[in-house]
N, C-alpha and C. Protein backbone atom coordinates (compact mmCIF):
# COMPACT_ATOMS: atom_id res chain seq x y z
N UNK A 1 71.98 126.55 54.30
CA UNK A 1 70.61 126.43 54.80
C UNK A 1 70.47 126.95 56.22
N UNK A 2 71.50 126.77 57.04
CA UNK A 2 71.42 127.18 58.44
C UNK A 2 71.29 128.69 58.58
N UNK A 3 71.54 129.43 57.52
CA UNK A 3 71.39 130.89 57.60
C UNK A 3 69.91 131.30 57.49
N UNK A 4 69.06 130.37 57.08
CA UNK A 4 67.63 130.66 56.96
C UNK A 4 66.97 130.62 58.32
N UNK A 5 65.88 131.40 58.50
CA UNK A 5 65.15 131.31 59.76
C UNK A 5 64.59 129.91 59.95
N UNK A 6 64.55 129.45 61.18
CA UNK A 6 63.96 128.16 61.57
C UNK A 6 64.80 126.95 61.25
N UNK A 7 65.94 127.13 60.56
CA UNK A 7 66.75 125.98 60.16
C UNK A 7 67.98 125.88 61.07
N UNK A 8 67.95 124.93 61.98
CA UNK A 8 69.10 124.67 62.83
C UNK A 8 69.92 123.54 62.25
N UNK A 9 70.93 123.12 63.01
CA UNK A 9 71.83 122.07 62.52
C UNK A 9 71.10 120.76 62.23
N UNK A 10 70.17 120.37 63.12
CA UNK A 10 69.48 119.09 62.95
C UNK A 10 68.62 119.09 61.69
N UNK A 11 67.83 120.15 61.52
CA UNK A 11 66.97 120.22 60.33
C UNK A 11 67.82 120.35 59.07
N UNK A 12 68.90 121.09 59.15
CA UNK A 12 69.79 121.21 58.00
C UNK A 12 70.32 119.83 57.60
N UNK A 13 70.71 119.01 58.58
CA UNK A 13 71.20 117.66 58.29
C UNK A 13 70.11 116.81 57.63
N UNK A 14 68.89 116.94 58.13
CA UNK A 14 67.77 116.19 57.54
C UNK A 14 67.55 116.62 56.09
N UNK A 15 67.58 117.93 55.84
CA UNK A 15 67.41 118.43 54.48
C UNK A 15 68.54 117.93 53.57
N UNK A 16 69.76 117.97 54.07
CA UNK A 16 70.90 117.47 53.28
C UNK A 16 70.72 115.99 52.95
N UNK A 17 70.20 115.22 53.91
CA UNK A 17 70.06 113.78 53.69
C UNK A 17 68.98 113.45 52.65
N UNK A 18 68.07 114.40 52.38
CA UNK A 18 67.07 114.18 51.34
C UNK A 18 67.42 114.91 50.05
N UNK A 19 68.66 115.42 49.98
CA UNK A 19 69.14 116.01 48.74
C UNK A 19 68.91 117.50 48.59
N UNK A 20 68.57 118.17 49.68
CA UNK A 20 68.38 119.62 49.63
C UNK A 20 69.55 120.27 50.36
N UNK A 21 70.35 121.07 49.61
CA UNK A 21 71.58 121.64 50.16
C UNK A 21 71.61 123.16 50.12
N UNK A 22 70.71 123.78 49.38
CA UNK A 22 70.74 125.24 49.25
C UNK A 22 69.33 125.81 49.46
N UNK A 23 69.26 127.08 49.82
CA UNK A 23 67.94 127.73 49.94
C UNK A 23 67.14 127.64 48.63
N UNK A 24 67.84 127.73 47.50
CA UNK A 24 67.17 127.67 46.21
C UNK A 24 66.53 126.29 45.99
N UNK A 25 67.24 125.25 46.40
CA UNK A 25 66.69 123.90 46.27
C UNK A 25 65.46 123.73 47.15
N UNK A 26 65.52 124.26 48.37
CA UNK A 26 64.38 124.17 49.28
C UNK A 26 63.18 124.91 48.68
N UNK A 27 63.42 126.08 48.14
CA UNK A 27 62.33 126.85 47.55
C UNK A 27 61.74 126.12 46.35
N UNK A 28 62.59 125.51 45.52
CA UNK A 28 62.11 124.79 44.35
C UNK A 28 61.27 123.57 44.73
N UNK A 29 61.66 122.88 45.79
CA UNK A 29 60.95 121.68 46.23
C UNK A 29 59.65 122.05 46.94
N UNK A 30 59.73 123.10 47.75
CA UNK A 30 58.56 123.53 48.52
C UNK A 30 58.50 122.85 49.87
N UNK A 31 57.81 123.47 50.81
CA UNK A 31 57.79 122.97 52.18
C UNK A 31 57.07 121.63 52.30
N UNK A 32 55.98 121.46 51.57
CA UNK A 32 55.20 120.22 51.71
C UNK A 32 55.98 119.01 51.19
N UNK A 33 56.56 119.14 50.02
CA UNK A 33 57.32 118.02 49.46
C UNK A 33 58.56 117.73 50.29
N UNK A 34 59.24 118.78 50.73
CA UNK A 34 60.42 118.59 51.58
C UNK A 34 60.01 117.87 52.86
N UNK A 35 58.88 118.27 53.44
CA UNK A 35 58.40 117.65 54.66
C UNK A 35 58.08 116.17 54.42
N UNK A 36 57.43 115.86 53.30
CA UNK A 36 57.12 114.46 53.00
C UNK A 36 58.38 113.62 52.88
N UNK A 37 59.41 114.19 52.25
CA UNK A 37 60.68 113.47 52.11
C UNK A 37 61.32 113.24 53.47
N UNK A 38 61.28 114.25 54.33
CA UNK A 38 61.84 114.11 55.68
C UNK A 38 61.05 113.07 56.46
N UNK A 39 59.75 113.09 56.31
CA UNK A 39 58.88 112.17 57.05
C UNK A 39 59.21 110.71 56.72
N UNK A 40 59.68 110.47 55.50
CA UNK A 40 60.06 109.10 55.12
C UNK A 40 61.26 108.59 55.92
N UNK A 41 62.14 109.53 56.34
CA UNK A 41 63.32 109.12 57.11
C UNK A 41 63.18 109.43 58.60
N UNK A 42 62.17 110.22 58.96
CA UNK A 42 61.96 110.61 60.36
C UNK A 42 60.46 110.63 60.65
N UNK A 43 59.96 109.52 61.19
CA UNK A 43 58.51 109.42 61.44
C UNK A 43 58.05 110.41 62.50
N UNK A 44 58.98 111.00 63.24
CA UNK A 44 58.63 111.98 64.27
C UNK A 44 58.51 113.40 63.75
N UNK A 45 58.65 113.59 62.44
CA UNK A 45 58.55 114.94 61.87
C UNK A 45 57.17 115.51 62.20
N UNK A 46 57.14 116.70 62.78
CA UNK A 46 55.90 117.26 63.31
C UNK A 46 55.43 118.50 62.53
N UNK A 47 54.26 118.95 62.90
CA UNK A 47 53.66 120.12 62.26
C UNK A 47 54.56 121.34 62.37
N UNK A 48 55.22 121.52 63.50
CA UNK A 48 56.09 122.69 63.67
C UNK A 48 57.28 122.64 62.72
N UNK A 49 57.74 121.44 62.37
CA UNK A 49 58.80 121.34 61.38
C UNK A 49 58.30 121.83 60.02
N UNK A 50 57.07 121.44 59.69
CA UNK A 50 56.47 121.90 58.43
C UNK A 50 56.34 123.42 58.43
N UNK A 51 55.87 123.99 59.53
CA UNK A 51 55.79 125.45 59.66
C UNK A 51 57.18 126.06 59.49
N UNK A 52 58.18 125.45 60.11
CA UNK A 52 59.54 125.96 60.03
C UNK A 52 60.08 125.97 58.61
N UNK A 53 59.79 124.91 57.88
CA UNK A 53 60.23 124.85 56.47
C UNK A 53 59.59 125.96 55.65
N UNK A 54 58.29 126.16 55.84
CA UNK A 54 57.60 127.22 55.10
C UNK A 54 58.14 128.59 55.49
N UNK A 55 58.36 128.79 56.78
CA UNK A 55 58.93 130.06 57.23
C UNK A 55 60.30 130.30 56.63
N UNK A 56 61.10 129.25 56.53
CA UNK A 56 62.44 129.38 55.93
C UNK A 56 62.33 129.82 54.48
N UNK A 57 61.37 129.24 53.77
CA UNK A 57 61.17 129.60 52.37
C UNK A 57 60.74 131.06 52.25
N UNK A 58 59.87 131.49 53.18
CA UNK A 58 59.38 132.88 53.14
C UNK A 58 60.35 133.87 53.80
N UNK A 59 61.37 133.36 54.49
CA UNK A 59 62.35 134.23 55.14
C UNK A 59 61.86 134.83 56.44
N UNK A 60 60.93 134.12 57.12
CA UNK A 60 60.39 134.62 58.39
C UNK A 60 60.41 133.52 59.44
N UNK A 61 60.34 133.91 60.71
CA UNK A 61 60.17 132.92 61.78
C UNK A 61 58.82 132.25 61.57
N UNK A 62 58.74 130.98 61.94
CA UNK A 62 57.49 130.24 61.67
C UNK A 62 56.30 130.83 62.41
N UNK A 63 56.56 131.57 63.50
CA UNK A 63 55.46 132.20 64.24
C UNK A 63 54.88 133.39 63.49
N UNK A 64 55.53 133.81 62.42
CA UNK A 64 55.06 134.96 61.65
C UNK A 64 54.35 134.57 60.36
N UNK A 65 54.08 133.29 60.18
CA UNK A 65 53.34 132.86 58.99
C UNK A 65 51.92 133.40 59.06
N UNK A 66 51.33 133.66 57.91
CA UNK A 66 49.95 134.15 57.89
C UNK A 66 49.01 133.05 58.39
N UNK A 67 47.87 133.45 58.91
CA UNK A 67 46.88 132.47 59.39
C UNK A 67 46.45 131.55 58.26
N UNK A 68 46.30 132.10 57.07
CA UNK A 68 45.89 131.30 55.91
C UNK A 68 46.94 130.23 55.60
N UNK A 69 48.20 130.62 55.62
CA UNK A 69 49.28 129.67 55.36
C UNK A 69 49.32 128.61 56.44
N UNK A 70 49.22 129.03 57.70
CA UNK A 70 49.21 128.06 58.80
C UNK A 70 48.07 127.06 58.66
N UNK A 71 46.89 127.55 58.32
CA UNK A 71 45.74 126.65 58.19
C UNK A 71 45.94 125.69 57.03
N UNK A 72 46.48 126.17 55.92
CA UNK A 72 46.75 125.32 54.77
C UNK A 72 47.73 124.21 55.15
N UNK A 73 48.79 124.57 55.86
CA UNK A 73 49.79 123.58 56.27
C UNK A 73 49.21 122.60 57.29
N UNK A 74 48.38 123.11 58.19
CA UNK A 74 47.76 122.24 59.19
C UNK A 74 46.81 121.24 58.52
N UNK A 75 46.03 121.70 57.56
CA UNK A 75 45.14 120.80 56.82
C UNK A 75 45.95 119.73 56.08
N UNK A 76 47.05 120.14 55.46
CA UNK A 76 47.93 119.21 54.75
C UNK A 76 48.47 118.18 55.73
N UNK A 77 48.99 118.64 56.87
CA UNK A 77 49.57 117.74 57.87
C UNK A 77 48.52 116.75 58.38
N UNK A 78 47.31 117.23 58.65
CA UNK A 78 46.26 116.37 59.17
C UNK A 78 45.78 115.35 58.14
N UNK A 79 46.02 115.63 56.86
CA UNK A 79 45.60 114.70 55.82
C UNK A 79 46.58 113.53 55.65
N UNK A 80 47.74 113.64 56.28
CA UNK A 80 48.76 112.58 56.14
C UNK A 80 48.42 111.36 56.98
């Protein structure tokens, strides 16, 4: 997982602790569900983490997400 953009050691450990160990597993779960699982164990999980997860799935830095994707994720985050 650490080979993906936006995934450092700390986020990789969080993903491992929720049962996600490979890029394929992250892609299958999706950024929103993975974020919700992380949020259950880390109440400090923030919007930028959600962006980072989506960027990792898309293979880009989170700053390169499309405006539409960013807005969708922001709306999702604000609904929590």
